[in-house]
C-alpha atoms as a PDB file:
ATOM      1  CA  MET A   1     202.012 -58.841-206.896  1.00  0.00           C
ATOM      2  CA  GLN A   2     198.729 -60.747-206.568  1.00  0.00           C
ATOM      3  CA  MET A   3     196.300 -59.494-203.946  1.00  0.00           C
ATOM      4  CA  VAL A   4     194.331 -62.142-202.042  1.00  0.00           C
ATOM      5  CA  VAL A   5     190.934 -60.875-200.984  1.00  0.00           C
ATOM      6  CA  LEU A   6     189.990 -61.761-197.430  1.00  0.00           C
ATOM      7  CA  TRP A   7     186.995 -63.934-198.244  1.00  0.00           C
ATOM      8  CA  GLN A   8     189.276 -66.248-200.190  1.00  0.00           C
ATOM      9  CA  LEU A   9     191.809 -66.638-197.398  1.00  0.00           C
ATOM     10  CA  PRO A  10     190.311 -69.671-195.590  1.00  0.00           C
ATOM     11  CA  THR A  11     189.979 -71.588-198.859  1.00  0.00           C
ATOM     12  CA  LEU A  12     193.492 -70.727-199.974  1.00  0.00           C
ATOM     13  CA  LEU A  13     194.950 -71.575-196.588  1.00  0.00           C
ATOM     14  CA  PHE A  14     193.208 -74.949-196.581  1.00  0.00           C
ATOM     15  CA  ALA A  15     194.295 -75.651-200.156  1.00  0.00           C
ATOM     16  CA  LYS A  16     197.895 -74.750-199.341  1.00  0.00           C
ATOM     17  CA  VAL A  17     197.950 -77.103-196.371  1.00  0.00           C
ATOM     18  CA  ARG A  18     196.408 -79.936-198.383  1.00  0.00           C
ATOM     19  CA  ILE A  19     198.787 -79.528-201.321  1.00  0.00           C
ATOM     20  CA  ASN A  20     201.991 -79.261-199.338  1.00  0.00           C
ATOM     21  CA  ASN A  21     202.151 -81.612-196.370  1.00  0.00           C
ATOM     22  CA  ASN A  22     205.557 -80.167-195.433  1.00  0.00           C
ATOM     23  CA  ILE A  23     204.030 -76.934-194.122  1.00  0.00           C
ATOM     24  CA  ASN A  24     204.204 -76.973-190.354  1.00  0.00           C
ATOM     25  CA  GLN A  25     201.565 -75.420-188.124  1.00  0.00           C
ATOM     26  CA  GLU A  26     203.850 -72.559-187.145  1.00  0.00           C
ATOM     27  CA  ASN A  27     204.115 -71.389-190.778  1.00  0.00           C
ATOM     28  CA  VAL A  28     200.364 -71.670-191.333  1.00  0.00           C
ATOM     29  CA  MET A  29     199.540 -69.750-188.162  1.00  0.00           C
ATOM     30  CA  GLY A  30     201.966 -67.016-189.181  1.00  0.00           C
ATOM     31  CA  LEU A  31     199.847 -66.053-192.171  1.00  0.00           C
ATOM     32  CA  ILE A  32     197.704 -63.690-190.073  1.00  0.00           C
ATOM     33  CA  ASP A  33     199.843 -61.891-187.529  1.00  0.00           C
ATOM     34  CA  GLN A  34     198.757 -59.576-184.707  1.00  0.00           C
ATOM     35  CA  ASP A  35     199.273 -56.449-186.837  1.00  0.00           C
ATOM     36  CA  MET A  36     196.820 -57.805-189.426  1.00  0.00           C
ATOM     37  CA  ILE A  37     194.314 -58.684-186.717  1.00  0.00           C
ATOM     38  CA  ASP A  38     194.559 -55.138-185.339  1.00  0.00           C
ATOM     39  CA  GLU A  39     194.042 -53.736-188.842  1.00  0.00           C
ATOM     40  CA  LEU A  40     191.025 -55.997-189.465  1.00  0.00           C
ATOM     41  CA  ASN A  41     189.503 -55.020-186.125  1.00  0.00           C
ATOM     42  CA  LEU A  42     189.922 -51.353-187.001  1.00  0.00           C
ATOM     43  CA  LEU A  43     188.362 -51.867-190.437  1.00  0.00           C
ATOM     44  CA  LEU A  44     185.370 -53.511-188.769  1.00  0.00           C
ATOM     45  CA  LYS A  45     184.803 -50.350-186.702  1.00  0.00           C
ATOM     46  CA  PHE A  46     184.059 -48.286-189.812  1.00  0.00           C
ATOM     47  CA  PRO A  47     180.305 -47.878-190.333  1.00  0.00           C
ATOM     48  CA  ALA A  48     178.948 -50.218-193.002  1.00  0.00           C
ATOM     49  CA  SER A  49     175.809 -48.163-193.549  1.00  0.00           C
ATOM     50  CA  SER A  50     177.389 -44.990-194.940  1.00  0.00           C
ATOM     51  CA  LEU A  51     180.549 -44.048-196.799  1.00  0.00           C
ATOM     52  CA  MET A  52     180.073 -40.510-195.497  1.00  0.00           C
ATOM     53  CA  GLN A  53     181.015 -41.543-191.960  1.00  0.00           C
ATOM     54  CA  GLY A  54     184.567 -42.085-190.833  1.00  0.00           C
ATOM     55  CA  LEU A  55     186.604 -42.618-187.694  1.00  0.00           C
ATOM     56  CA  LYS A  56     188.892 -40.421-185.631  1.00  0.00           C
ATOM     57  CA  ILE A  57     191.577 -42.188-183.614  1.00  0.00           C
ATOM     58  CA  HIS A  58     192.125 -40.115-180.487  1.00  0.00           C
ATOM     59  CA  HIS A  59     195.511 -39.536-178.884  1.00  0.00           C
ATOM     60  CA  ASP A  60     194.567 -41.672-175.879  1.00  0.00           C
ATOM     61  CA  ALA A  61     193.680 -44.752-177.979  1.00  0.00           C
ATOM     62  CA  SER A  62     195.750 -47.883-177.468  1.00  0.00           C
ATOM     63  CA  GLN A  63     199.053 -48.001-179.324  1.00  0.00           C
ATOM     64  CA  SER A  64     197.906 -51.047-181.283  1.00  0.00           C
ATOM     65  CA  VAL A  65     194.959 -49.048-182.687  1.00  0.00           C
ATOM     66  CA  VAL A  66     197.136 -46.014-183.440  1.00  0.00           C
ATOM     67  CA  HIS A  67     199.712 -48.155-185.243  1.00  0.00           C
ATOM     68  CA  ALA A  68     197.016 -50.100-187.117  1.00  0.00           C
ATOM     69  CA  ALA A  69     195.574 -46.814-188.402  1.00  0.00           C
ATOM     70  CA  GLU A  70     199.014 -45.618-189.484  1.00  0.00           C
ATOM     71  CA  ARG A  71     199.647 -48.880-191.357  1.00  0.00           C
ATOM     72  CA  LEU A  72     196.239 -48.773-193.046  1.00  0.00           C
ATOM     73  CA  TYR A  73     196.918 -45.180-194.103  1.00  0.00           C
ATOM     74  CA  SER A  74     200.329 -46.083-195.534  1.00  0.00           C
ATOM     75  CA  LYS A  75     198.677 -48.920-197.495  1.00  0.00           C
ATOM     76  CA  GLY A  76     196.082 -46.561-198.964  1.00  0.00           C
ATOM     77  CA  VAL A  77     193.162 -48.119-197.093  1.00  0.00           C
ATOM     78  CA  ILE A  78     192.104 -45.022-195.104  1.00  0.00           C
ATOM     79  CA  THR A  79     192.447 -41.321-195.890  1.00  0.00           C
ATOM     80  CA  GLN A  80     194.229 -40.091-192.742  1.00  0.00           C
ATOM     81  CA  PRO A  81     196.885 -41.573-190.444  1.00  0.00           C
ATOM     82  CA  ASP A  82     194.479 -41.078-187.527  1.00  0.00           C
ATOM     83  CA  GLY A  83     191.408 -42.525-189.239  1.00  0.00           C
ATOM     84  CA  GLY A  84     189.406 -40.462-191.680  1.00  0.00           C
ATOM     85  CA  TYR A  85     187.394 -42.289-194.315  1.00  0.00           C
ATOM     86  CA  LEU A  86     187.812 -45.549-196.156  1.00  0.00           C
ATOM     87  CA  THR A  87     189.313 -45.315-199.626  1.00  0.00           C
ATOM     88  CA  ASP A  88     187.847 -47.440-202.432  1.00  0.00           C
ATOM     89  CA  LEU A  89     190.302 -50.156-201.434  1.00  0.00           C
ATOM     90  CA  GLY A  90     189.279 -49.719-197.800  1.00  0.00           C
ATOM     91  CA  VAL A  91     185.587 -50.106-198.632  1.00  0.00           C
ATOM     92  CA  ASP A  92     186.333 -53.393-200.403  1.00  0.00           C
ATOM     93  CA  LEU A  93     188.525 -54.669-197.574  1.00  0.00           C
ATOM     94  CA  ALA A  94     186.004 -53.689-194.892  1.00  0.00           C
ATOM     95  CA  GLU A  95     183.249 -55.491-196.800  1.00  0.00           C
ATOM     96  CA  HIS A  96     185.369 -58.630-197.072  1.00  0.00           C
ATOM     97  CA  ALA A  97     186.319 -58.379-193.394  1.00  0.00           C
ATOM     98  CA  ARG A  98     182.609 -58.258-192.494  1.00  0.00           C
ATOM     99  CA  HIS A  99     181.983 -61.365-194.595  1.00  0.00           C
ATOM    100  CA  VAL A 100     184.812 -63.230-192.848  1.00  0.00           C
ATOM    101  CA  GLN A 101     183.593 -62.086-189.438  1.00  0.00           C
ATOM    102  CA  SER A 102     180.045 -63.167-190.252  1.00  0.00           C
ATOM    103  CA  ALA A 103     181.115 -66.562-191.584  1.00  0.00           C
ATOM    104  CA  LEU A 104     183.415 -67.299-188.663  1.00  0.00           C
ATOM    105  CA  SER A 105     180.922 -66.208-186.023  1.00  0.00           C
ATOM    106  CA  MET A 106     178.177 -68.540-187.296  1.00  0.00           C
ATOM    107  CA  LYS A 107     177.107 -71.019-184.669  1.00  0.00           C
ATOM    108  CA  LEU A 108     177.027 -74.670-185.684  1.00  0.00           C
ATOM    109  CA  ASN A 109     174.195 -76.907-184.519  1.00  0.00           C
END
């Protein structure tokens, strides 16, 4: 299975739409679902300045955050189902997520 790194996603999405005119907007919009958004938001909460800092998801956190942490743990992205530290994969994904966030939050003149 080929893994698509996050910083490539906008380019690949655009290329896919340009190549295949039969793709409807509903299929394109389905590429990033709410679960992925929750996971990306959680990844962005991990400190970028130090690998020695992690997160602890408390029992009173929203269910979307709790479930996002559980999914990231099952994918090998974080070390504990309630947070912990980023794995090597998690460090890479968090870095790419920060690049996407930075690029998409740029203000145009």
